[in-house]
Amino acid sequence: MSVKIVVPTILRSYSGGRRTVEATGETVAEVIDDLESRYRGISGRLITDGALNRFVNIYVNDDDVRFTGGLQAPVVENATVMILPAVAGG
């Protein structure tokens, strides 16, 4: 199933500068695997030691995947997956 991925500026060097890209998968993990097959190196920025990097937030249709199953969170056809790097400062 096809989904739209919103790529943050900091990761656009992996997506050829594109703000949005397409990917397929039924879970967040499958979508990230598909992204990696198309855009080498991006999964290393999203996953650490087999888990979602703690400095990255991923939303599927406005739902934070940390509360809906993490990497196993379901992704439905035509969903929008938004990748947001954590921001800190003061």
PDB file of N, CA and C in Angstrom:
ATOM      1  N   MET A   1       0.835  -1.179   0.000  1.00  0.00           N
ATOM      2  CA  MET A   1       0.000   0.000   0.000  1.00  0.00           C
ATOM      3  C   MET A   1       0.878   1.240   0.000  1.00  0.00           C
ATOM      4  N   SER A   2       0.464   2.239  -0.697  1.00  0.00           N
ATOM      5  CA  SER A   2       1.250   3.449  -0.882  1.00  0.00           C
ATOM      6  C   SER A   2       0.892   4.501   0.158  1.00  0.00           C
ATOM      7  N   VAL A   3       1.939   5.142   0.689  1.00  0.00           N
ATOM      8  CA  VAL A   3       1.758   6.215   1.653  1.00  0.00           C
ATOM      9  C   VAL A   3       2.641   7.398   1.267  1.00  0.00           C
ATOM     10  N   LYS A   4       2.274   8.556   1.764  1.00  0.00           N
ATOM     11  CA  LYS A   4       3.040   9.780   1.529  1.00  0.00           C
ATOM     12  C   LYS A   4       3.911  10.029   2.754  1.00  0.00           C
ATOM     13  N   ILE A   5       5.197  10.261   2.528  1.00  0.00           N
ATOM     14  CA  ILE A   5       6.138  10.537   3.603  1.00  0.00           C
ATOM     15  C   ILE A   5       6.540  12.000   3.529  1.00  0.00           C
ATOM     16  N   VAL A   6       6.389  12.716   4.628  1.00  0.00           N
ATOM     17  CA  VAL A   6       6.831  14.104   4.712  1.00  0.00           C
ATOM     18  C   VAL A   6       8.237  14.078   5.334  1.00  0.00           C
ATOM     19  N   VAL A   7       9.224  14.512   4.556  1.00  0.00           N
ATOM     20  CA  VAL A   7      10.626  14.440   4.959  1.00  0.00           C
ATOM     21  C   VAL A   7      11.065  15.801   5.519  1.00  0.00           C
ATOM     22  N   PRO A   8      11.611  15.825   6.742  1.00  0.00           N
ATOM     23  CA  PRO A   8      12.069  17.101   7.299  1.00  0.00           C
ATOM     24  C   PRO A   8      13.317  17.593   6.566  1.00  0.00           C
ATOM     25  N   THR A   9      13.552  18.864   6.633  1.00  0.00           N
ATOM     26  CA  THR A   9      14.680  19.484   5.939  1.00  0.00           C
ATOM     27  C   THR A   9      15.998  18.772   6.230  1.00  0.00           C
ATOM     28  N   ILE A  10      16.229  18.404   7.465  1.00  0.00           N
ATOM     29  CA  ILE A  10      17.499  17.805   7.859  1.00  0.00           C
ATOM     30  C   ILE A  10      17.746  16.446   7.179  1.00  0.00           C
ATOM     31  N   LEU A  11      16.698  15.778   6.719  1.00  0.00           N
ATOM     32  CA  LEU A  11      16.854  14.471   6.062  1.00  0.00           C
ATOM     33  C   LEU A  11      16.687  14.535   4.547  1.00  0.00           C
ATOM     34  N   ARG A  12      16.476  15.707   4.004  1.00  0.00           N
ATOM     35  CA  ARG A  12      16.226  15.810   2.568  1.00  0.00           C
ATOM     36  C   ARG A  12      17.440  15.483   1.709  1.00  0.00           C
ATOM     37  N   SER A  13      18.617  15.488   2.290  1.00  0.00           N
ATOM     38  CA  SER A  13      19.795  15.071   1.521  1.00  0.00           C
ATOM     39  C   SER A  13      19.671  13.595   1.136  1.00  0.00           C
ATOM     40  N   TYR A  14      18.906  12.818   1.897  1.00  0.00           N
ATOM     41  CA  TYR A  14      18.676  11.411   1.577  1.00  0.00           C
ATOM     42  C   TYR A  14      17.577  11.235   0.531  1.00  0.00           C
ATOM     43  N   SER A  15      16.656  12.193   0.460  1.00  0.00           N
ATOM     44  CA  SER A  15      15.510  12.070  -0.458  1.00  0.00           C
ATOM     45  C   SER A  15      15.702  12.871  -1.740  1.00  0.00           C
ATOM     46  N   GLY A  16      16.935  13.222  -2.036  1.00  0.00           N
ATOM     47  CA  GLY A  16      17.195  14.000  -3.238  1.00  0.00           C
ATOM     48  C   GLY A  16      16.619  15.406  -3.165  1.00  0.00           C
ATOM     49  N   GLY A  17      16.464  15.921  -1.944  1.00  0.00           N
ATOM     50  CA  GLY A  17      15.934  17.267  -1.755  1.00  0.00           C
ATOM     51  C   GLY A  17      14.423  17.353  -1.752  1.00  0.00           C
ATOM     52  N   ARG A  18      13.747  16.228  -1.926  1.00  0.00           N
ATOM     53  CA  ARG A  18      12.277  16.244  -1.968  1.00  0.00           C
ATOM     54  C   ARG A  18      11.681  16.387  -0.578  1.00  0.00           C
ATOM     55  N   ARG A  19      10.630  17.200  -0.495  1.00  0.00           N
ATOM     56  CA  ARG A  19       9.891  17.401   0.761  1.00  0.00           C
ATOM     57  C   ARG A  19       8.965  16.223   1.042  1.00  0.00           C
ATOM     58  N   THR A  20       8.409  15.636  -0.003  1.00  0.00           N
ATOM     59  CA  THR A  20       7.549  14.463   0.151  1.00  0.00           C
ATOM     60  C   THR A  20       8.002  13.377  -0.813  1.00  0.00           C
ATOM     61  N   VAL A  21       7.868  12.140  -0.358  1.00  0.00           N
ATOM     62  CA  VAL A  21       8.189  10.976  -1.176  1.00  0.00           C
ATOM     63  C   VAL A  21       7.111   9.925  -0.935  1.00  0.00           C
ATOM     64  N   GLU A  22       7.081   8.923  -1.769  1.00  0.00           N
ATOM     65  CA  GLU A  22       6.140   7.810  -1.622  1.00  0.00           C
ATOM     66  C   GLU A  22       6.884   6.598  -1.074  1.00  0.00           C
ATOM     67  N   ALA A  23       6.179   5.776  -0.326  1.00  0.00           N
ATOM     68  CA  ALA A  23       6.725   4.517   0.163  1.00  0.00           C
ATOM     69  C   ALA A  23       5.570   3.537   0.320  1.00  0.00           C
ATOM     70  N   THR A  24       5.908   2.280   0.532  1.00  0.00           N
ATOM     71  CA  THR A  24       4.884   1.265   0.743  1.00  0.00           C
ATOM     72  C   THR A  24       5.179   0.501   2.026  1.00  0.00           C
ATOM     73  N   GLY A  25       4.143  -0.087   2.596  1.00  0.00           N
ATOM     74  CA  GLY A  25       4.285  -0.908   3.785  1.00  0.00           C
ATOM     75  C   GLY A  25       3.018  -0.891   4.605  1.00  0.00           C
ATOM     76  N   GLU A  26       2.855  -1.928   5.418  1.00  0.00           N
ATOM     77  CA  GLU A  26       1.678  -2.032   6.278  1.00  0.00           C
ATOM     78  C   GLU A  26       1.978  -1.637   7.711  1.00  0.00           C
ATOM     79  N   THR A  27       3.271  -1.511   8.034  1.00  0.00           N
ATOM     80  CA  THR A  27       3.684  -1.043   9.359  1.00  0.00           C
ATOM     81  C   THR A  27       4.739   0.046   9.163  1.00  0.00           C
ATOM     82  N   VAL A  28       5.023   0.777  10.229  1.00  0.00           N
ATOM     83  CA  VAL A  28       6.058   1.813  10.158  1.00  0.00           C
ATOM     84  C   VAL A  28       7.396   1.175   9.790  1.00  0.00           C
ATOM     85  N   ALA A  29       7.701   0.018  10.356  1.00  0.00           N
ATOM     86  CA  ALA A  29       8.968  -0.665  10.042  1.00  0.00           C
ATOM     87  C   ALA A  29       9.056  -0.996   8.554  1.00  0.00           C
ATOM     88  N   GLU A  30       7.973  -1.488   7.965  1.00  0.00           N
ATOM     89  CA  GLU A  30       7.969  -1.820   6.544  1.00  0.00           C
ATOM     90  C   GLU A  30       8.126  -0.569   5.684  1.00  0.00           C
ATOM     91  N   VAL A  31       7.506   0.518   6.101  1.00  0.00           N
ATOM     92  CA  VAL A  31       7.634   1.779   5.368  1.00  0.00           C
ATOM     93  C   VAL A  31       9.086   2.262   5.420  1.00  0.00           C
ATOM     94  N   ILE A  32       9.709   2.175   6.596  1.00  0.00           N
ATOM     95  CA  ILE A  32      11.107   2.597   6.722  1.00  0.00           C
ATOM     96  C   ILE A  32      12.013   1.698   5.885  1.00  0.00           C
ATOM     97  N   ASP A  33      11.742   0.394   5.868  1.00  0.00           N
ATOM     98  CA  ASP A  33      12.521  -0.520   5.021  1.00  0.00           C
ATOM     99  C   ASP A  33      12.399  -0.136   3.550  1.00  0.00           C
ATOM    100  N   ASP A  34      11.184   0.216   3.130  1.00  0.00           N
ATOM    101  CA  ASP A  34      10.978   0.622   1.739  1.00  0.00           C
ATOM    102  C   ASP A  34      11.701   1.941   1.454  1.00  0.00           C
ATOM    103  N   LEU A  35      11.641   2.872   2.399  1.00  0.00           N
ATOM    104  CA  LEU A  35      12.378   4.128   2.239  1.00  0.00           C
ATOM    105  C   LEU A  35      13.871   3.854   2.078  1.00  0.00           C
ATOM    106  N   GLU A  36      14.398   2.959   2.896  1.00  0.00           N
ATOM    107  CA  GLU A  36      15.821   2.631   2.829  1.00  0.00           C
ATOM    108  C   GLU A  36      16.190   2.032   1.474  1.00  0.00           C
ATOM    109  N   SER A  37      15.295   1.224   0.904  1.00  0.00           N
ATOM    110  CA  SER A  37      15.589   0.631  -0.407  1.00  0.00           C
ATOM    111  C   SER A  37      15.621   1.679  -1.511  1.00  0.00           C
ATOM    112  N   ARG A  38      14.929   2.770  -1.309  1.00  0.00           N
ATOM    113  CA  ARG A  38      14.877   3.849  -2.308  1.00  0.00           C
ATOM    114  C   ARG A  38      15.868   4.970  -2.011  1.00  0.00           C
ATOM    115  N   TYR A  39      16.116   5.222  -0.720  1.00  0.00           N
ATOM    116  CA  TYR A  39      16.944   6.343  -0.285  1.00  0.00           C
ATOM    117  C   TYR A  39      17.952   5.843   0.745  1.00  0.00           C
ATOM    118  N   ARG A  40      19.033   5.276   0.258  1.00  0.00           N
ATOM    119  CA  ARG A  40      20.051   4.650   1.115  1.00  0.00           C
ATOM    120  C   ARG A  40      20.526   5.579   2.228  1.00  0.00           C
ATOM    121  N   GLY A  41      20.570   5.016   3.457  1.00  0.00           N
ATOM    122  CA  GLY A  41      21.094   5.739   4.604  1.00  0.00           C
ATOM    123  C   GLY A  41      20.052   6.379   5.491  1.00  0.00           C
ATOM    124  N   ILE A  42      18.837   6.536   4.994  1.00  0.00           N
ATOM    125  CA  ILE A  42      17.818   7.239   5.787  1.00  0.00           C
ATOM    126  C   ILE A  42      17.406   6.451   7.023  1.00  0.00           C
ATOM    127  N   SER A  43      17.361   5.127   6.929  1.00  0.00           N
ATOM    128  CA  SER A  43      16.908   4.347   8.089  1.00  0.00           C
ATOM    129  C   SER A  43      17.883   4.465   9.253  1.00  0.00           C
ATOM    130  N   GLY A  44      19.163   4.679   8.972  1.00  0.00           N
ATOM    131  CA  GLY A  44      20.145   4.863  10.037  1.00  0.00           C
ATOM    132  C   GLY A  44      19.891   6.109  10.863  1.00  0.00           C
ATOM    133  N   ARG A  45      19.191   7.049  10.313  1.00  0.00           N
ATOM    134  CA  ARG A  45      18.836   8.274  11.033  1.00  0.00           C
ATOM    135  C   ARG A  45      17.529   8.107  11.813  1.00  0.00           C
ATOM    136  N   LEU A  46      16.754   7.071  11.473  1.00  0.00           N
ATOM    137  CA  LEU A  46      15.444   6.877  12.100  1.00  0.00           C
ATOM    138  C   LEU A  46      15.436   5.766  13.146  1.00  0.00           C
ATOM    139  N   ILE A  47      16.290   4.761  12.956  1.00  0.00           N
ATOM    140  CA  ILE A  47      16.293   3.586  13.826  1.00  0.00           C
ATOM    141  C   ILE A  47      17.666   3.416  14.458  1.00  0.00           C
ATOM    142  N   THR A  48      17.671   3.146  15.777  1.00  0.00           N
ATOM    143  CA  THR A  48      18.900   2.885  16.517  1.00  0.00           C
ATOM    144  C   THR A  48      18.713   1.614  17.326  1.00  0.00           C
ATOM    145  N   ASP A  49      19.606   0.665  17.147  1.00  0.00           N
ATOM    146  CA  ASP A  49      19.544  -0.612  17.880  1.00  0.00           C
ATOM    147  C   ASP A  49      18.179  -1.282  17.763  1.00  0.00           C
ATOM    148  N   GLY A  50      17.590  -1.248  16.577  1.00  0.00           N
ATOM    149  CA  GLY A  50      16.328  -1.927  16.319  1.00  0.00           C
ATOM    150  C   GLY A  50      15.087  -1.218  16.841  1.00  0.00           C
ATOM    151  N   ALA A  51      15.252  -0.003  17.341  1.00  0.00           N
ATOM    152  CA  ALA A  51      14.108   0.757  17.865  1.00  0.00           C
ATOM    153  C   ALA A  51      14.124   2.162  17.257  1.00  0.00           C
ATOM    154  N   LEU A  52      12.990   2.818  17.326  1.00  0.00           N
ATOM    155  CA  LEU A  52      12.889   4.185  16.841  1.00  0.00           C
ATOM    156  C   LEU A  52      13.866   5.071  17.623  1.00  0.00           C
ATOM    157  N   ASN A  53      14.665   5.835  16.911  1.00  0.00           N
ATOM    158  CA  ASN A  53      15.615   6.748  17.531  1.00  0.00           C
ATOM    159  C   ASN A  53      14.852   7.697  18.455  1.00  0.00           C
ATOM    160  N   ARG A  54      15.357   7.893  19.661  1.00  0.00           N
ATOM    161  CA  ARG A  54      14.625   8.712  20.635  1.00  0.00           C
ATOM    162  C   ARG A  54      14.566  10.181  20.260  1.00  0.00           C
ATOM    163  N   PHE A  55      15.379  10.601  19.300  1.00  0.00           N
ATOM    164  CA  PHE A  55      15.367  11.996  18.862  1.00  0.00           C
ATOM    165  C   PHE A  55      14.560  12.201  17.582  1.00  0.00           C
ATOM    166  N   VAL A  56      13.771  11.192  17.224  1.00  0.00           N
ATOM    167  CA  VAL A  56      12.924  11.273  16.034  1.00  0.00           C
ATOM    168  C   VAL A  56      11.499  10.926  16.432  1.00  0.00           C
ATOM    169  N   ASN A  57      10.560  11.738  15.992  1.00  0.00           N
ATOM    170  CA  ASN A  57       9.138  11.453  16.199  1.00  0.00           C
ATOM    171  C   ASN A  57       8.531  11.131  14.838  1.00  0.00           C
ATOM    172  N   ILE A  58       7.724  10.088  14.801  1.00  0.00           N
ATOM    173  CA  ILE A  58       7.032   9.729  13.569  1.00  0.00           C
ATOM    174  C   ILE A  58       5.540   9.695  13.860  1.00  0.00           C
ATOM    175  N   TYR A  59       4.796  10.348  12.970  1.00  0.00           N
ATOM    176  CA  TYR A  59       3.338  10.402  13.092  1.00  0.00           C
ATOM    177  C   TYR A  59       2.722   9.765  11.855  1.00  0.00           C
ATOM    178  N   VAL A  60       1.696   8.957  12.076  1.00  0.00           N
ATOM    179  CA  VAL A  60       0.899   8.403  10.988  1.00  0.00           C
ATOM    180  C   VAL A  60      -0.480   9.031  11.111  1.00  0.00           C
ATOM    181  N   ASN A  61      -0.839   9.859  10.124  1.00  0.00           N
ATOM    182  CA  ASN A  61      -2.121  10.579  10.172  1.00  0.00           C
ATOM    183  C   ASN A  61      -2.341  11.268  11.524  1.00  0.00           C
ATOM    184  N   ASP A  62      -1.351  12.005  11.979  1.00  0.00           N
ATOM    185  CA  ASP A  62      -1.400  12.797  13.213  1.00  0.00           C
ATOM    186  C   ASP A  62      -1.317  11.995  14.501  1.00  0.00           C
ATOM    187  N   ASP A  63      -1.123  10.666  14.426  1.00  0.00           N
ATOM    188  CA  ASP A  63      -0.980   9.843  15.621  1.00  0.00           C
ATOM    189  C   ASP A  63       0.492   9.507  15.840  1.00  0.00           C
ATOM    190  N   ASP A  64       1.013   9.830  17.023  1.00  0.00           N
ATOM    191  CA  ASP A  64       2.397   9.537  17.376  1.00  0.00           C
ATOM    192  C   ASP A  64       2.556   8.020  17.488  1.00  0.00           C
ATOM    193  N   VAL A  65       3.464   7.432  16.702  1.00  0.00           N
ATOM    194  CA  VAL A  65       3.599   5.974  16.680  1.00  0.00           C
ATOM    195  C   VAL A  65       4.125   5.410  17.987  1.00  0.00           C
ATOM    196  N   ARG A  66       4.713   6.246  18.824  1.00  0.00           N
ATOM    197  CA  ARG A  66       5.180   5.748  20.123  1.00  0.00           C
ATOM    198  C   ARG A  66       4.005   5.266  20.983  1.00  0.00           C
ATOM    199  N   PHE A  67       2.801   5.747  20.675  1.00  0.00           N
ATOM    200  CA  PHE A  67       1.616   5.365  21.433  1.00  0.00           C
ATOM    201  C   PHE A  67       0.696   4.425  20.663  1.00  0.00           C
ATOM    202  N   THR A  68       1.077   4.063  19.436  1.00  0.00           N
ATOM    203  CA  THR A  68       0.219   3.196  18.620  1.00  0.00           C
ATOM    204  C   THR A  68       0.939   1.941  18.126  1.00  0.00           C
ATOM    205  N   GLY A  69       2.080   1.612  18.737  1.00  0.00           N
ATOM    206  CA  GLY A  69       2.764   0.384  18.367  1.00  0.00           C
ATOM    207  C   GLY A  69       4.209   0.548  17.937  1.00  0.00           C
ATOM    208  N   GLY A  70       4.734   1.754  17.996  1.00  0.00           N
ATOM    209  CA  GLY A  70       6.133   1.963  17.610  1.00  0.00           C
ATOM    210  C   GLY A  70       6.387   1.565  16.166  1.00  0.00           C
ATOM    211  N   LEU A  71       7.451   0.828  15.946  1.00  0.00           N
ATOM    212  CA  LEU A  71       7.775   0.401  14.585  1.00  0.00           C
ATOM    213  C   LEU A  71       6.728  -0.549  14.015  1.00  0.00           C
ATOM    214  N   GLN A  72       5.943  -1.176  14.874  1.00  0.00           N
ATOM    215  CA  GLN A  72       4.891  -2.080  14.406  1.00  0.00           C
ATOM    216  C   GLN A  72       3.537  -1.383  14.264  1.00  0.00           C
ATOM    217  N   ALA A  73       3.510  -0.073  14.442  1.00  0.00           N
ATOM    218  CA  ALA A  73       2.265   0.689  14.267  1.00  0.00           C
ATOM    219  C   ALA A  73       1.749   0.481  12.850  1.00  0.00           C
ATOM    220  N   PRO A  74       0.453   0.247  12.709  1.00  0.00           N
ATOM    221  CA  PRO A  74      -0.103   0.026  11.367  1.00  0.00           C
ATOM    222  C   PRO A  74      -0.125   1.298  10.531  1.00  0.00           C
ATOM    223  N   VAL A  75       0.032   1.112   9.231  1.00  0.00           N
ATOM    224  CA  VAL A  75      -0.036   2.205   8.266  1.00  0.00           C
ATOM    225  C   VAL A  75      -1.082   1.803   7.230  1.00  0.00           C
ATOM    226  N   VAL A  76      -2.065   2.657   7.026  1.00  0.00           N
ATOM    227  CA  VAL A  76      -3.145   2.350   6.085  1.00  0.00           C
ATOM    228  C   VAL A  76      -2.880   3.002   4.730  1.00  0.00           C
ATOM    229  N   GLU A  77      -3.535   2.500   3.713  1.00  0.00           N
ATOM    230  CA  GLU A  77      -3.429   3.042   2.356  1.00  0.00           C
ATOM    231  C   GLU A  77      -3.680   4.544   2.357  1.00  0.00           C
ATOM    232  N   ASN A  78      -2.853   5.272   1.630  1.00  0.00           N
ATOM    233  CA  ASN A  78      -2.960   6.731   1.474  1.00  0.00           C
ATOM    234  C   ASN A  78      -2.706   7.516   2.757  1.00  0.00           C
ATOM    235  N   ALA A  79      -2.091   6.888   3.755  1.00  0.00           N
ATOM    236  CA  ALA A  79      -1.757   7.603   4.989  1.00  0.00           C
ATOM    237  C   ALA A  79      -0.663   8.623   4.715  1.00  0.00           C
ATOM    238  N   THR A  80      -0.569   9.593   5.611  1.00  0.00           N
ATOM    239  CA  THR A  80       0.545  10.531   5.589  1.00  0.00           C
ATOM    240  C   THR A  80       1.419  10.211   6.786  1.00  0.00           C
ATOM    241  N   VAL A  81       2.682   9.936   6.515  1.00  0.00           N
ATOM    242  CA  VAL A  81       3.659   9.636   7.558  1.00  0.00           C
ATOM    243  C   VAL A  81       4.582  10.841   7.653  1.00  0.00           C
ATOM    244  N   MET A  82       4.605  11.458   8.824  1.00  0.00           N
ATOM    245  CA  MET A  82       5.416  12.646   9.027  1.00  0.00           C
ATOM    246  C   MET A  82       6.578  12.307   9.946  1.00  0.00           C
ATOM    247  N   ILE A  83       7.780  12.627   9.493  1.00  0.00           N
ATOM    248  CA  ILE A  83       8.991  12.417  10.288  1.00  0.00           C
ATOM    249  C   ILE A  83       9.393  13.773  10.855  1.00  0.00           C
ATOM    250  N   LEU A  84       9.508  13.833  12.188  1.00  0.00           N
ATOM    251  CA  LEU A  84       9.887  15.087  12.845  1.00  0.00           C
ATOM    252  C   LEU A  84      11.069  14.846  13.770  1.00  0.00           C
ATOM    253  N   PRO A  85      12.187  15.518  13.499  1.00  0.00           N
ATOM    254  CA  PRO A  85      13.302  15.400  14.449  1.00  0.00           C
ATOM    255  C   PRO A  85      12.967  16.176  15.713  1.00  0.00           C
ATOM    256  N   ALA A  86      13.393  15.644  16.851  1.00  0.00           N
ATOM    257  CA  ALA A  86      13.174  16.338  18.120  1.00  0.00           C
ATOM    258  C   ALA A  86      14.000  17.624  18.128  1.00  0.00           C
ATOM    259  N   VAL A  87      13.459  18.667  18.711  1.00  0.00           N
ATOM    260  CA  VAL A  87      14.130  19.941  18.789  1.00  0.00           C
ATOM    261  C   VAL A  87      14.304  20.299  20.259  1.00  0.00           C
ATOM    262  N   ALA A  88      15.507  20.709  20.605  1.00  0.00           N
ATOM    263  CA  ALA A  88      15.775  21.110  21.984  1.00  0.00           C
ATOM    264  C   ALA A  88      16.486  22.459  21.984  1.00  0.00           C
ATOM    265  N   GLY A  89      16.431  23.086  23.065  1.00  0.00           N
ATOM    266  CA  GLY A  89      17.110  24.373  23.168  1.00  0.00           C
ATOM    267  C   GLY A  89      16.508  25.207  24.266  1.00  0.00           C
ATOM    268  N   GLY A  90      17.008  26.352  24.392  1.00  0.00           N
ATOM    269  CA  GLY A  90      16.464  27.167  25.459  1.00  0.00           C
ATOM    270  C   GLY A  90      16.888  28.587  25.350  1.00  0.00           C
TER     271      GLY A  90
END
